[in-house]
Amino acid sequence: MAVKIKTKLGTIDIANSVIATVVGGAATDIYGIVGMASKNQIRDNLNDILNRENYSRGVVVRQQDNGVAVEVNIVVGYGTKISEVCRNVQDKVKYNLETMLGVTANEVTVIVQGVRVLGDED
């Protein structure tokens, strides 16, 4: 299913994979986010962090009448304030969808799939 935007020149179809890539890119730019996680880790057999090509496995997009509802699955870094990181993800995802794609995010649900202890990277 795709988001359809009608303009005076025609219709623009935006695929869910495009929305998932924008959402994943926005989420991984936030400080405290280690990466994206699969929405169904048991079925996908993925316990690793998703790379840019697999963001659609960590994002669920549902069309609504006047926008979209997005579910984002993330892994956060140990020692960060999880509630603040999630709030930042919600704000940035909503902003990026509206500015980059012209799609209104009615709901952004953030699911923390795990906490990863980051080693010293000297």
PDB file of N, CA and C in Angstrom:
ATOM      1  N   MET A   1       0.843  -1.171   0.000  1.00  0.00           N
ATOM      2  CA  MET A   1       0.000   0.000   0.000  1.00  0.00           C
ATOM      3  C   MET A   1       0.888   1.234   0.000  1.00  0.00           C
ATOM      4  N   ALA A   2       0.485   2.238  -0.695  1.00  0.00           N
ATOM      5  CA  ALA A   2       1.279   3.455  -0.815  1.00  0.00           C
ATOM      6  C   ALA A   2       0.429   4.659  -0.422  1.00  0.00           C
ATOM      7  N   VAL A   3       1.123   5.722  -0.066  1.00  0.00           N
ATOM      8  CA  VAL A   3       0.450   6.975   0.243  1.00  0.00           C
ATOM      9  C   VAL A   3       0.253   7.718  -1.076  1.00  0.00           C
ATOM     10  N   LYS A   4      -0.949   8.182  -1.305  1.00  0.00           N
ATOM     11  CA  LYS A   4      -1.267   8.915  -2.527  1.00  0.00           C
ATOM     12  C   LYS A   4      -1.512  10.370  -2.185  1.00  0.00           C
ATOM     13  N   ILE A   5      -0.814  11.243  -2.897  1.00  0.00           N
ATOM     14  CA  ILE A   5      -0.978  12.685  -2.732  1.00  0.00           C
ATOM     15  C   ILE A   5      -1.458  13.238  -4.066  1.00  0.00           C
ATOM     16  N   LYS A   6      -2.619  13.887  -4.050  1.00  0.00           N
ATOM     17  CA  LYS A   6      -3.164  14.448  -5.285  1.00  0.00           C
ATOM     18  C   LYS A   6      -2.740  15.904  -5.414  1.00  0.00           C
ATOM     19  N   THR A   7      -2.213  16.242  -6.569  1.00  0.00           N
ATOM     20  CA  THR A   7      -1.840  17.613  -6.882  1.00  0.00           C
ATOM     21  C   THR A   7      -2.608  18.044  -8.129  1.00  0.00           C
ATOM     22  N   LYS A   8      -2.466  19.295  -8.505  1.00  0.00           N
ATOM     23  CA  LYS A   8      -3.179  19.766  -9.696  1.00  0.00           C
ATOM     24  C   LYS A   8      -2.599  19.167 -10.979  1.00  0.00           C
ATOM     25  N   LEU A   9      -1.369  18.668 -10.907  1.00  0.00           N
ATOM     26  CA  LEU A   9      -0.746  18.074 -12.084  1.00  0.00           C
ATOM     27  C   LEU A   9      -0.912  16.563 -12.160  1.00  0.00           C
ATOM     28  N   GLY A  10      -1.374  15.944 -11.084  1.00  0.00           N
ATOM     29  CA  GLY A  10      -1.546  14.497 -11.088  1.00  0.00           C
ATOM     30  C   GLY A  10      -1.441  13.928  -9.695  1.00  0.00           C
ATOM     31  N   THR A  11      -1.142  12.630  -9.617  1.00  0.00           N
ATOM     32  CA  THR A  11      -1.069  11.924  -8.339  1.00  0.00           C
ATOM     33  C   THR A  11       0.366  11.487  -8.071  1.00  0.00           C
ATOM     34  N   ILE A  12       0.778  11.615  -6.820  1.00  0.00           N
ATOM     35  CA  ILE A  12       2.090  11.164  -6.385  1.00  0.00           C
ATOM     36  C   ILE A  12       1.879   9.962  -5.470  1.00  0.00           C
ATOM     37  N   ASP A  13       2.516   8.839  -5.805  1.00  0.00           N
ATOM     38  CA  ASP A  13       2.457   7.635  -4.975  1.00  0.00           C
ATOM     39  C   ASP A  13       3.785   7.476  -4.261  1.00  0.00           C
ATOM     40  N   ILE A  14       3.737   7.390  -2.942  1.00  0.00           N
ATOM     41  CA  ILE A  14       4.941   7.195  -2.139  1.00  0.00           C
ATOM     42  C   ILE A  14       4.836   5.822  -1.487  1.00  0.00           C
ATOM     43  N   ALA A  15       5.755   4.931  -1.827  1.00  0.00           N
ATOM     44  CA  ALA A  15       5.725   3.556  -1.329  1.00  0.00           C
ATOM     45  C   ALA A  15       6.081   3.515   0.156  1.00  0.00           C
ATOM     46  N   ASN A  16       5.591   2.487   0.836  1.00  0.00           N
ATOM     47  CA  ASN A  16       5.893   2.322   2.261  1.00  0.00           C
ATOM     48  C   ASN A  16       7.378   2.131   2.508  1.00  0.00           C
ATOM     49  N   SER A  17       8.101   1.531   1.568  1.00  0.00           N
ATOM     50  CA  SER A  17       9.541   1.349   1.746  1.00  0.00           C
ATOM     51  C   SER A  17      10.268   2.690   1.747  1.00  0.00           C
ATOM     52  N   VAL A  18       9.763   3.652   0.997  1.00  0.00           N
ATOM     53  CA  VAL A  18      10.357   4.999   1.003  1.00  0.00           C
ATOM     54  C   VAL A  18      10.099   5.664   2.350  1.00  0.00           C
ATOM     55  N   ILE A  19       8.879   5.537   2.845  1.00  0.00           N
ATOM     56  CA  ILE A  19       8.549   6.100   4.151  1.00  0.00           C
ATOM     57  C   ILE A  19       9.401   5.443   5.231  1.00  0.00           C
ATOM     58  N   ALA A  20       9.588   4.121   5.143  1.00  0.00           N
ATOM     59  CA  ALA A  20      10.394   3.402   6.126  1.00  0.00           C
ATOM     60  C   ALA A  20      11.849   3.858   6.086  1.00  0.00           C
ATOM     61  N   THR A  21      12.379   4.130   4.916  1.00  0.00           N
ATOM     62  CA  THR A  21      13.761   4.605   4.802  1.00  0.00           C
ATOM     63  C   THR A  21      13.916   5.990   5.412  1.00  0.00           C
ATOM     64  N   VAL A  22      12.956   6.875   5.167  1.00  0.00           N
ATOM     65  CA  VAL A  22      12.999   8.218   5.751  1.00  0.00           C
ATOM     66  C   VAL A  22      12.886   8.135   7.277  1.00  0.00           C
ATOM     67  N   VAL A  23      11.977   7.291   7.764  1.00  0.00           N
ATOM     68  CA  VAL A  23      11.790   7.124   9.210  1.00  0.00           C
ATOM     69  C   VAL A  23      13.051   6.536   9.845  1.00  0.00           C
ATOM     70  N   GLY A  24      13.619   5.509   9.220  1.00  0.00           N
ATOM     71  CA  GLY A  24      14.833   4.888   9.754  1.00  0.00           C
ATOM     72  C   GLY A  24      16.020   5.832   9.767  1.00  0.00           C
ATOM     73  N   GLY A  25      16.153   6.608   8.710  1.00  0.00           N
ATOM     74  CA  GLY A  25      17.238   7.594   8.668  1.00  0.00           C
ATOM     75  C   GLY A  25      17.083   8.664   9.729  1.00  0.00           C
ATOM     76  N   ALA A  26      15.847   9.108   9.937  1.00  0.00           N
ATOM     77  CA  ALA A  26      15.589  10.118  10.968  1.00  0.00           C
ATOM     78  C   ALA A  26      15.869   9.560  12.352  1.00  0.00           C
ATOM     79  N   ALA A  27      15.442   8.323  12.585  1.00  0.00           N
ATOM     80  CA  ALA A  27      15.612   7.726  13.910  1.00  0.00           C
ATOM     81  C   ALA A  27      17.084   7.484  14.231  1.00  0.00           C
ATOM     82  N   THR A  28      17.855   7.016  13.272  1.00  0.00           N
ATOM     83  CA  THR A  28      19.252   6.687  13.558  1.00  0.00           C
ATOM     84  C   THR A  28      20.132   7.922  13.680  1.00  0.00           C
ATOM     85  N   ASP A  29      19.628   9.083  13.291  1.00  0.00           N
ATOM     86  CA  ASP A  29      20.385  10.325  13.472  1.00  0.00           C
ATOM     87  C   ASP A  29      20.327  10.853  14.898  1.00  0.00           C
ATOM     88  N   ILE A  30      19.448  10.334  15.708  1.00  0.00           N
ATOM     89  CA  ILE A  30      19.254  10.821  17.076  1.00  0.00           C
ATOM     90  C   ILE A  30      20.361  10.290  17.978  1.00  0.00           C
ATOM     91  N   TYR A  31      20.882  11.166  18.840  1.00  0.00           N
ATOM     92  CA  TYR A  31      21.884  10.750  19.816  1.00  0.00           C
ATOM     93  C   TYR A  31      21.253   9.758  20.791  1.00  0.00           C
ATOM     94  N   GLY A  32      21.942   8.665  21.028  1.00  0.00           N
ATOM     95  CA  GLY A  32      21.452   7.650  21.942  1.00  0.00           C
ATOM     96  C   GLY A  32      20.889   6.436  21.229  1.00  0.00           C
ATOM     97  N   ILE A  33      20.664   6.551  19.922  1.00  0.00           N
ATOM     98  CA  ILE A  33      20.162   5.427  19.138  1.00  0.00           C
ATOM     99  C   ILE A  33      21.347   4.648  18.584  1.00  0.00           C
ATOM    100  N   VAL A  34      21.385   3.355  18.897  1.00  0.00           N
ATOM    101  CA  VAL A  34      22.438   2.491  18.357  1.00  0.00           C
ATOM    102  C   VAL A  34      22.060   2.057  16.949  1.00  0.00           C
ATOM    103  N   GLY A  35      20.772   1.791  16.724  1.00  0.00           N
ATOM    104  CA  GLY A  35      20.310   1.397  15.400  1.00  0.00           C
ATOM    105  C   GLY A  35      18.867   0.951  15.430  1.00  0.00           C
ATOM    106  N   MET A  36      18.428   0.447  14.291  1.00  0.00           N
ATOM    107  CA  MET A  36      17.067  -0.054  14.137  1.00  0.00           C
ATOM    108  C   MET A  36      17.052  -1.548  14.430  1.00  0.00           C
ATOM    109  N   ALA A  37      15.932  -2.019  14.967  1.00  0.00           N
ATOM    110  CA  ALA A  37      15.753  -3.441  15.245  1.00  0.00           C
ATOM    111  C   ALA A  37      14.607  -3.975  14.389  1.00  0.00           C
ATOM    112  N   SER A  38      14.609  -5.265  14.138  1.00  0.00           N
ATOM    113  CA  SER A  38      13.535  -5.890  13.382  1.00  0.00           C
ATOM    114  C   SER A  38      12.268  -5.905  14.215  1.00  0.00           C
ATOM    115  N   LYS A  39      11.127  -5.668  13.568  1.00  0.00           N
ATOM    116  CA  LYS A  39       9.856  -5.654  14.296  1.00  0.00           C
ATOM    117  C   LYS A  39       9.448  -7.046  14.745  1.00  0.00           C
ATOM    118  N   ASN A  40       9.961  -8.072  14.082  1.00  0.00           N
ATOM    119  CA  ASN A  40       9.660  -9.452  14.451  1.00  0.00           C
ATOM    120  C   ASN A  40      10.965 -10.234  14.464  1.00  0.00           C
ATOM    121  N   GLN A  41      11.711 -10.122  15.552  1.00  0.00           N
ATOM    122  CA  GLN A  41      13.046 -10.706  15.616  1.00  0.00           C
ATOM    123  C   GLN A  41      13.028 -12.221  15.556  1.00  0.00           C
ATOM    124  N   ILE A  42      11.993 -12.859  16.061  1.00  0.00           N
ATOM    125  CA  ILE A  42      11.941 -14.319  16.050  1.00  0.00           C
ATOM    126  C   ILE A  42      11.748 -14.825  14.621  1.00  0.00           C
ATOM    127  N   ARG A  43      10.806 -14.250  13.899  1.00  0.00           N
ATOM    128  CA  ARG A  43      10.550 -14.689  12.526  1.00  0.00           C
ATOM    129  C   ARG A  43      11.713 -14.360  11.596  1.00  0.00           C
ATOM    130  N   ASP A  44      12.266 -13.147  11.729  1.00  0.00           N
ATOM    131  CA  ASP A  44      13.361 -12.724  10.860  1.00  0.00           C
ATOM    132  C   ASP A  44      14.696 -13.328  11.286  1.00  0.00           C
ATOM    133  N   ASN A  45      14.737 -13.892  12.500  1.00  0.00           N
ATOM    134  CA  ASN A  45      15.959 -14.464  13.044  1.00  0.00           C
ATOM    135  C   ASN A  45      17.091 -13.434  13.048  1.00  0.00           C
ATOM    136  N   LEU A  46      16.724 -12.219  13.367  1.00  0.00           N
ATOM    137  CA  LEU A  46      17.708 -11.142  13.401  1.00  0.00           C
ATOM    138  C   LEU A  46      17.813 -10.593  14.805  1.00  0.00           C
ATOM    139  N   ASN A  47      18.958 -10.732  15.374  1.00  0.00           N
ATOM    140  CA  ASN A  47      19.212 -10.127  16.671  1.00  0.00           C
ATOM    141  C   ASN A  47      20.185  -8.973  16.502  1.00  0.00           C
ATOM    142  N   ASP A  48      20.520  -8.682  15.268  1.00  0.00           N
ATOM    143  CA  ASP A  48      21.477  -7.638  14.966  1.00  0.00           C
ATOM    144  C   ASP A  48      20.760  -6.340  14.638  1.00  0.00           C
ATOM    145  N   ILE A  49      21.557  -5.324  14.500  1.00  0.00           N
ATOM    146  CA  ILE A  49      21.033  -4.015  14.131  1.00  0.00           C
ATOM    147  C   ILE A  49      20.875  -3.973  12.614  1.00  0.00           C
ATOM    148  N   LEU A  50      19.754  -3.438  12.156  1.00  0.00           N
ATOM    149  CA  LEU A  50      19.473  -3.374  10.725  1.00  0.00           C
ATOM    150  C   LEU A  50      20.303  -2.285  10.069  1.00  0.00           C
ATOM    151  N   ASN A  51      20.750  -2.560   8.849  1.00  0.00           N
ATOM    152  CA  ASN A  51      21.457  -1.523   8.103  1.00  0.00           C
ATOM    153  C   ASN A  51      20.460  -0.757   7.239  1.00  0.00           C
ATOM    154  N   ARG A  52      20.942   0.212   6.524  1.00  0.00           N
ATOM    155  CA  ARG A  52      20.090   1.143   5.790  1.00  0.00           C
ATOM    156  C   ARG A  52      19.164   0.440   4.788  1.00  0.00           C
ATOM    157  N   GLU A  53      19.610  -0.662   4.192  1.00  0.00           N
ATOM    158  CA  GLU A  53      18.794  -1.366   3.214  1.00  0.00           C
ATOM    159  C   GLU A  53      17.630  -2.115   3.860  1.00  0.00           C
ATOM    160  N   ASN A  54      17.702  -2.382   5.161  1.00  0.00           N
ATOM    161  CA  ASN A  54      16.689  -3.189   5.840  1.00  0.00           C
ATOM    162  C   ASN A  54      15.805  -2.385   6.796  1.00  0.00           C
ATOM    163  N   TYR A  55      15.774  -1.072   6.677  1.00  0.00           N
ATOM    164  CA  TYR A  55      14.971  -0.260   7.590  1.00  0.00           C
ATOM    165  C   TYR A  55      13.499  -0.646   7.550  1.00  0.00           C
ATOM    166  N   SER A  56      13.018  -1.133   6.413  1.00  0.00           N
ATOM    167  CA  SER A  56      11.600  -1.464   6.317  1.00  0.00           C
ATOM    168  C   SER A  56      11.235  -2.630   7.236  1.00  0.00           C
ATOM    169  N   ARG A  57      12.198  -3.437   7.659  1.00  0.00           N
ATOM    170  CA  ARG A  57      11.912  -4.509   8.610  1.00  0.00           C
ATOM    171  C   ARG A  57      11.702  -3.979  10.020  1.00  0.00           C
ATOM    172  N   GLY A  58      12.164  -2.781  10.290  1.00  0.00           N
ATOM    173  CA  GLY A  58      12.040  -2.208  11.620  1.00  0.00           C
ATOM    174  C   GLY A  58      10.985  -1.132  11.742  1.00  0.00           C
ATOM    175  N   VAL A  59      10.294  -0.848  10.637  1.00  0.00           N
ATOM    176  CA  VAL A  59       9.293   0.220  10.625  1.00  0.00           C
ATOM    177  C   VAL A  59       7.986  -0.350  10.084  1.00  0.00           C
ATOM    178  N   VAL A  60       6.883  -0.037  10.767  1.00  0.00           N
ATOM    179  CA  VAL A  60       5.552  -0.413  10.300  1.00  0.00           C
ATOM    180  C   VAL A  60       4.818   0.875   9.951  1.00  0.00           C
ATOM    181  N   VAL A  61       4.293   0.935   8.732  1.00  0.00           N
ATOM    182  CA  VAL A  61       3.562   2.113   8.270  1.00  0.00           C
ATOM    183  C   VAL A  61       2.118   1.699   7.998  1.00  0.00           C
ATOM    184  N   ARG A  62       1.190   2.413   8.629  1.00  0.00           N
ATOM    185  CA  ARG A  62      -0.235   2.174   8.407  1.00  0.00           C
ATOM    186  C   ARG A  62      -0.870   3.466   7.889  1.00  0.00           C
ATOM    187  N   GLN A  63      -1.589   3.347   6.769  1.00  0.00           N
ATOM    188  CA  GLN A  63      -2.262   4.507   6.210  1.00  0.00           C
ATOM    189  C   GLN A  63      -3.505   4.822   7.017  1.00  0.00           C
ATOM    190  N   GLN A  64      -3.748   6.105   7.208  1.00  0.00           N
ATOM    191  CA  GLN A  64      -4.962   6.594   7.837  1.00  0.00           C
ATOM    192  C   GLN A  64      -5.611   7.592   6.896  1.00  0.00           C
ATOM    193  N   ASP A  65      -6.783   8.065   7.258  1.00  0.00           N
ATOM    194  CA  ASP A  65      -7.523   8.955   6.361  1.00  0.00           C
ATOM    195  C   ASP A  65      -6.746  10.215   6.002  1.00  0.00           C
ATOM    196  N   ASN A  66      -6.134  10.829   6.981  1.00  0.00           N
ATOM    197  CA  ASN A  66      -5.462  12.106   6.732  1.00  0.00           C
ATOM    198  C   ASN A  66      -3.972  12.057   7.053  1.00  0.00           C
ATOM    199  N   GLY A  67      -3.329  10.911   6.880  1.00  0.00           N
ATOM    200  CA  GLY A  67      -1.904  10.794   7.144  1.00  0.00           C
ATOM    201  C   GLY A  67      -1.506   9.348   7.358  1.00  0.00           C
ATOM    202  N   VAL A  68      -0.442   9.156   8.141  1.00  0.00           N
ATOM    203  CA  VAL A  68       0.046   7.805   8.418  1.00  0.00           C
ATOM    204  C   VAL A  68       0.296   7.635   9.908  1.00  0.00           C
ATOM    205  N   ALA A  69       0.281   6.383  10.336  1.00  0.00           N
ATOM    206  CA  ALA A  69       0.700   6.018  11.681  1.00  0.00           C
ATOM    207  C   ALA A  69       1.954   5.167  11.512  1.00  0.00           C
ATOM    208  N   VAL A  70       3.005   5.516  12.235  1.00  0.00           N
ATOM    209  CA  VAL A  70       4.298   4.870  12.066  1.00  0.00           C
ATOM    210  C   VAL A  70       4.697   4.216  13.384  1.00  0.00           C
ATOM    211  N   GLU A  71       5.246   3.006  13.281  1.00  0.00           N
ATOM    212  CA  GLU A  71       5.784   2.286  14.433  1.00  0.00           C
ATOM    213  C   GLU A  71       7.268   2.064  14.171  1.00  0.00           C
ATOM    214  N   VAL A  72       8.121   2.516  15.083  1.00  0.00           N
ATOM    215  CA  VAL A  72       9.569   2.451  14.913  1.00  0.00           C
ATOM    216  C   VAL A  72      10.159   1.548  15.998  1.00  0.00           C
ATOM    217  N   ASN A  73      10.960   0.558  15.596  1.00  0.00           N
ATOM    218  CA  ASN A  73      11.612  -0.353  16.525  1.00  0.00           C
ATOM    219  C   ASN A  73      13.093   0.001  16.584  1.00  0.00           C
ATOM    220  N   ILE A  74      13.577   0.344  17.784  1.00  0.00           N
ATOM    221  CA  ILE A  74      14.948   0.839  17.910  1.00  0.00           C
ATOM    222  C   ILE A  74      15.712   0.087  18.990  1.00  0.00           C
ATOM    223  N   VAL A  75      17.029   0.263  18.949  1.00  0.00           N
ATOM    224  CA  VAL A  75      17.930  -0.197  20.000  1.00  0.00           C
ATOM    225  C   VAL A  75      18.644   1.043  20.512  1.00  0.00           C
ATOM    226  N   VAL A  76      18.612   1.259  21.822  1.00  0.00           N
ATOM    227  CA  VAL A  76      19.231   2.449  22.406  1.00  0.00           C
ATOM    228  C   VAL A  76      20.539   2.086  23.094  1.00  0.00           C
ATOM    229  N   GLY A  77      21.357   3.086  23.297  1.00  0.00           N
ATOM    230  CA  GLY A  77      22.625   2.896  23.973  1.00  0.00           C
ATOM    231  C   GLY A  77      22.462   2.945  25.484  1.00  0.00           C
ATOM    232  N   TYR A  78      23.237   2.124  26.171  1.00  0.00           N
ATOM    233  CA  TYR A  78      23.185   2.082  27.624  1.00  0.00           C
ATOM    234  C   TYR A  78      23.647   3.421  28.186  1.00  0.00           C
ATOM    235  N   GLY A  79      22.948   3.909  29.201  1.00  0.00           N
ATOM    236  CA  GLY A  79      23.321   5.158  29.853  1.00  0.00           C
ATOM    237  C   GLY A  79      22.568   6.371  29.339  1.00  0.00           C
ATOM    238  N   THR A  80      21.730   6.192  28.346  1.00  0.00           N
ATOM    239  CA  THR A  80      20.938   7.316  27.849  1.00  0.00           C
ATOM    240  C   THR A  80      19.561   7.295  28.500  1.00  0.00           C
ATOM    241  N   LYS A  81      18.930   8.438  28.554  1.00  0.00           N
ATOM    242  CA  LYS A  81      17.582   8.520  29.108  1.00  0.00           C
ATOM    243  C   LYS A  81      16.607   8.093  28.021  1.00  0.00           C
ATOM    244  N   ILE A  82      16.046   6.909  28.189  1.00  0.00           N
ATOM    245  CA  ILE A  82      15.250   6.281  27.137  1.00  0.00           C
ATOM    246  C   ILE A  82      14.030   7.112  26.776  1.00  0.00           C
ATOM    247  N   SER A  83      13.355   7.683  27.769  1.00  0.00           N
ATOM    248  CA  SER A  83      12.155   8.473  27.470  1.00  0.00           C
ATOM    249  C   SER A  83      12.490   9.701  26.622  1.00  0.00           C
ATOM    250  N   GLU A  84      13.610  10.325  26.896  1.00  0.00           N
ATOM    251  CA  GLU A  84      14.015  11.503  26.125  1.00  0.00           C
ATOM    252  C   GLU A  84      14.440  11.125  24.710  1.00  0.00           C
ATOM    253  N   VAL A  85      15.147  10.015  24.575  1.00  0.00           N
ATOM    254  CA  VAL A  85      15.549   9.537  23.251  1.00  0.00           C
ATOM    255  C   VAL A  85      14.310   9.228  22.411  1.00  0.00           C
ATOM    256  N   CYS A  86      13.322   8.562  23.005  1.00  0.00           N
ATOM    257  CA  CYS A  86      12.089   8.225  22.286  1.00  0.00           C
ATOM    258  C   CYS A  86      11.320   9.474  21.877  1.00  0.00           C
ATOM    259  N   ARG A  87      11.260  10.453  22.743  1.00  0.00           N
ATOM    260  CA  ARG A  87      10.574  11.710  22.414  1.00  0.00           C
ATOM    261  C   ARG A  87      11.282  12.414  21.258  1.00  0.00           C
ATOM    262  N   ASN A  88      12.615  12.387  21.259  1.00  0.00           N
ATOM    263  CA  ASN A  88      13.377  12.987  20.160  1.00  0.00           C
ATOM    264  C   ASN A  88      13.125  12.249  18.845  1.00  0.00           C
ATOM    265  N   VAL A  89      13.015  10.926  18.908  1.00  0.00           N
ATOM    266  CA  VAL A  89      12.717  10.137  17.711  1.00  0.00           C
ATOM    267  C   VAL A  89      11.346  10.529  17.169  1.00  0.00           C
ATOM    268  N   GLN A  90      10.358  10.632  18.042  1.00  0.00           N
ATOM    269  CA  GLN A  90       9.010  11.004  17.600  1.00  0.00           C
ATOM    270  C   GLN A  90       9.014  12.366  16.904  1.00  0.00           C
ATOM    271  N   ASP A  91       9.683  13.341  17.508  1.00  0.00           N
ATOM    272  CA  ASP A  91       9.711  14.688  16.933  1.00  0.00           C
ATOM    273  C   ASP A  91      10.411  14.707  15.582  1.00  0.00           C
ATOM    274  N   LYS A  92      11.573  14.045  15.492  1.00  0.00           N
ATOM    275  CA  LYS A  92      12.352  14.086  14.249  1.00  0.00           C
ATOM    276  C   LYS A  92      11.659  13.306  13.134  1.00  0.00           C
ATOM    277  N   VAL A  93      11.052  12.167  13.457  1.00  0.00           N
ATOM    278  CA  VAL A  93      10.339  11.387  12.440  1.00  0.00           C
ATOM    279  C   VAL A  93       9.175  12.197  11.889  1.00  0.00           C
ATOM    280  N   LYS A  94       8.404  12.799  12.770  1.00  0.00           N
ATOM    281  CA  LYS A  94       7.259  13.610  12.340  1.00  0.00           C
ATOM    282  C   LYS A  94       7.724  14.779  11.467  1.00  0.00           C
ATOM    283  N   TYR A  95       8.788  15.460  11.882  1.00  0.00           N
ATOM    284  CA  TYR A  95       9.313  16.598  11.125  1.00  0.00           C
ATOM    285  C   TYR A  95       9.817  16.160   9.743  1.00  0.00           C
ATOM    286  N   ASN A  96      10.601  15.077   9.693  1.00  0.00           N
ATOM    287  CA  ASN A  96      11.157  14.629   8.412  1.00  0.00           C
ATOM    288  C   ASN A  96      10.075  14.159   7.441  1.00  0.00           C
ATOM    289  N   LEU A  97       9.067  13.463   7.942  1.00  0.00           N
ATOM    290  CA  LEU A  97       7.992  13.027   7.054  1.00  0.00           C
ATOM    291  C   LEU A  97       7.253  14.216   6.462  1.00  0.00           C
ATOM    292  N   GLU A  98       7.019  15.238   7.285  1.00  0.00           N
ATOM    293  CA  GLU A  98       6.280  16.401   6.796  1.00  0.00           C
ATOM    294  C   GLU A  98       7.107  17.247   5.840  1.00  0.00           C
ATOM    295  N   THR A  99       8.400  17.418   6.127  1.00  0.00           N
ATOM    296  CA  THR A  99       9.216  18.287   5.276  1.00  0.00           C
ATOM    297  C   THR A  99       9.736  17.577   4.024  1.00  0.00           C
ATOM    298  N   MET A 100      10.114  16.313   4.141  1.00  0.00           N
ATOM    299  CA  MET A 100      10.703  15.611   2.996  1.00  0.00           C
ATOM    300  C   MET A 100       9.658  15.024   2.053  1.00  0.00           C
ATOM    301  N   LEU A 101       8.586  14.485   2.615  1.00  0.00           N
ATOM    302  CA  LEU A 101       7.603  13.781   1.790  1.00  0.00           C
ATOM    303  C   LEU A 101       6.249  14.470   1.717  1.00  0.00           C
ATOM    304  N   GLY A 102       5.990  15.408   2.598  1.00  0.00           N
ATOM    305  CA  GLY A 102       4.684  16.057   2.621  1.00  0.00           C
ATOM    306  C   GLY A 102       3.604  15.162   3.195  1.00  0.00           C
ATOM    307  N   VAL A 103       4.004  14.192   4.025  1.00  0.00           N
ATOM    308  CA  VAL A 103       3.084  13.244   4.629  1.00  0.00           C
ATOM    309  C   VAL A 103       2.926  13.596   6.101  1.00  0.00           C
ATOM    310  N   THR A 104       1.698  13.641   6.580  1.00  0.00           N
ATOM    311  CA  THR A 104       1.437  13.954   7.980  1.00  0.00           C
ATOM    312  C   THR A 104       1.500  12.681   8.809  1.00  0.00           C
ATOM    313  N   ALA A 105       2.315  12.719   9.848  1.00  0.00           N
ATOM    314  CA  ALA A 105       2.415  11.586  10.771  1.00  0.00           C
ATOM    315  C   ALA A 105       1.461  11.844  11.927  1.00  0.00           C
ATOM    316  N   ASN A 106       0.345  11.147  11.940  1.00  0.00           N
ATOM    317  CA  ASN A 106      -0.640  11.311  13.009  1.00  0.00           C
ATOM    318  C   ASN A 106      -0.176  10.665  14.301  1.00  0.00           C
ATOM    319  N   GLU A 107       0.583   9.601  14.179  1.00  0.00           N
ATOM    320  CA  GLU A 107       1.010   8.842  15.343  1.00  0.00           C
ATOM    321  C   GLU A 107       2.387   8.252  15.062  1.00  0.00           C
ATOM    322  N   VAL A 108       3.313   8.444  15.992  1.00  0.00           N
ATOM    323  CA  VAL A 108       4.648   7.835  15.909  1.00  0.00           C
ATOM    324  C   VAL A 108       4.859   7.048  17.191  1.00  0.00           C
ATOM    325  N   THR A 109       4.813   5.723  17.076  1.00  0.00           N
ATOM    326  CA  THR A 109       4.997   4.839  18.217  1.00  0.00           C
ATOM    327  C   THR A 109       6.426   4.326  18.192  1.00  0.00           C
ATOM    328  N   VAL A 110       7.137   4.497  19.297  1.00  0.00           N
ATOM    329  CA  VAL A 110       8.524   4.042  19.387  1.00  0.00           C
ATOM    330  C   VAL A 110       8.567   2.834  20.316  1.00  0.00           C
ATOM    331  N   ILE A 111       9.128   1.743  19.822  1.00  0.00           N
ATOM    332  CA  ILE A 111       9.279   0.522  20.606  1.00  0.00           C
ATOM    333  C   ILE A 111      10.765   0.262  20.783  1.00  0.00           C
ATOM    334  N   VAL A 112      11.202   0.223  22.036  1.00  0.00           N
ATOM    335  CA  VAL A 112      12.615  -0.046  22.333  1.00  0.00           C
ATOM    336  C   VAL A 112      12.775  -1.556  22.419  1.00  0.00           C
ATOM    337  N   GLN A 113      13.463  -2.127  21.445  1.00  0.00           N
ATOM    338  CA  GLN A 113      13.661  -3.573  21.376  1.00  0.00           C
ATOM    339  C   GLN A 113      14.843  -4.044  22.210  1.00  0.00           C
ATOM    340  N   GLY A 114      15.735  -3.116  22.565  1.00  0.00           N
ATOM    341  CA  GLY A 114      16.883  -3.535  23.347  1.00  0.00           C
ATOM    342  C   GLY A 114      17.757  -2.366  23.736  1.00  0.00           C
ATOM    343  N   VAL A 115      18.664  -2.658  24.657  1.00  0.00           N
ATOM    344  CA  VAL A 115      19.661  -1.681  25.097  1.00  0.00           C
ATOM    345  C   VAL A 115      21.016  -2.318  24.849  1.00  0.00           C
ATOM    346  N   ARG A 116      21.894  -1.593  24.194  1.00  0.00           N
ATOM    347  CA  ARG A 116      23.195  -2.127  23.854  1.00  0.00           C
ATOM    348  C   ARG A 116      24.268  -1.341  24.600  1.00  0.00           C
ATOM    349  N   VAL A 117      25.153  -2.077  25.251  1.00  0.00           N
ATOM    350  CA  VAL A 117      26.288  -1.453  25.936  1.00  0.00           C
ATOM    351  C   VAL A 117      27.351  -1.209  24.875  1.00  0.00           C
ATOM    352  N   LEU A 118      27.748   0.028  24.746  1.00  0.00           N
ATOM    353  CA  LEU A 118      28.745   0.374  23.762  1.00  0.00           C
ATOM    354  C   LEU A 118      30.136   0.276  24.384  1.00  0.00           C
ATOM    355  N   GLY A 119      31.036  -0.375  23.690  1.00  0.00           N
ATOM    356  CA  GLY A 119      32.403  -0.509  24.184  1.00  0.00           C
ATOM    357  C   GLY A 119      33.197   0.744  23.940  1.00  0.00           C
ATOM    358  N   ASP A 120      34.362   0.833  24.573  1.00  0.00           N
ATOM    359  CA  ASP A 120      35.243   1.975  24.341  1.00  0.00           C
ATOM    360  C   ASP A 120      35.849   1.856  22.949  1.00  0.00           C
ATOM    361  N   GLU A 121      35.661   2.898  22.166  1.00  0.00           N
ATOM    362  CA  GLU A 121      36.168   2.910  20.799  1.00  0.00           C
ATOM    363  C   GLU A 121      37.329   3.864  20.707  1.00  0.00           C
ATOM    364  N   ASP A 122      38.471   3.449  21.252  1.00  0.00           N
ATOM    365  CA  ASP A 122      39.664   4.308  21.237  1.00  0.00           C
ATOM    366  C   ASP A 122      40.475   4.076  20.006  1.00  0.00           C
TER     367      ASP A 122
END
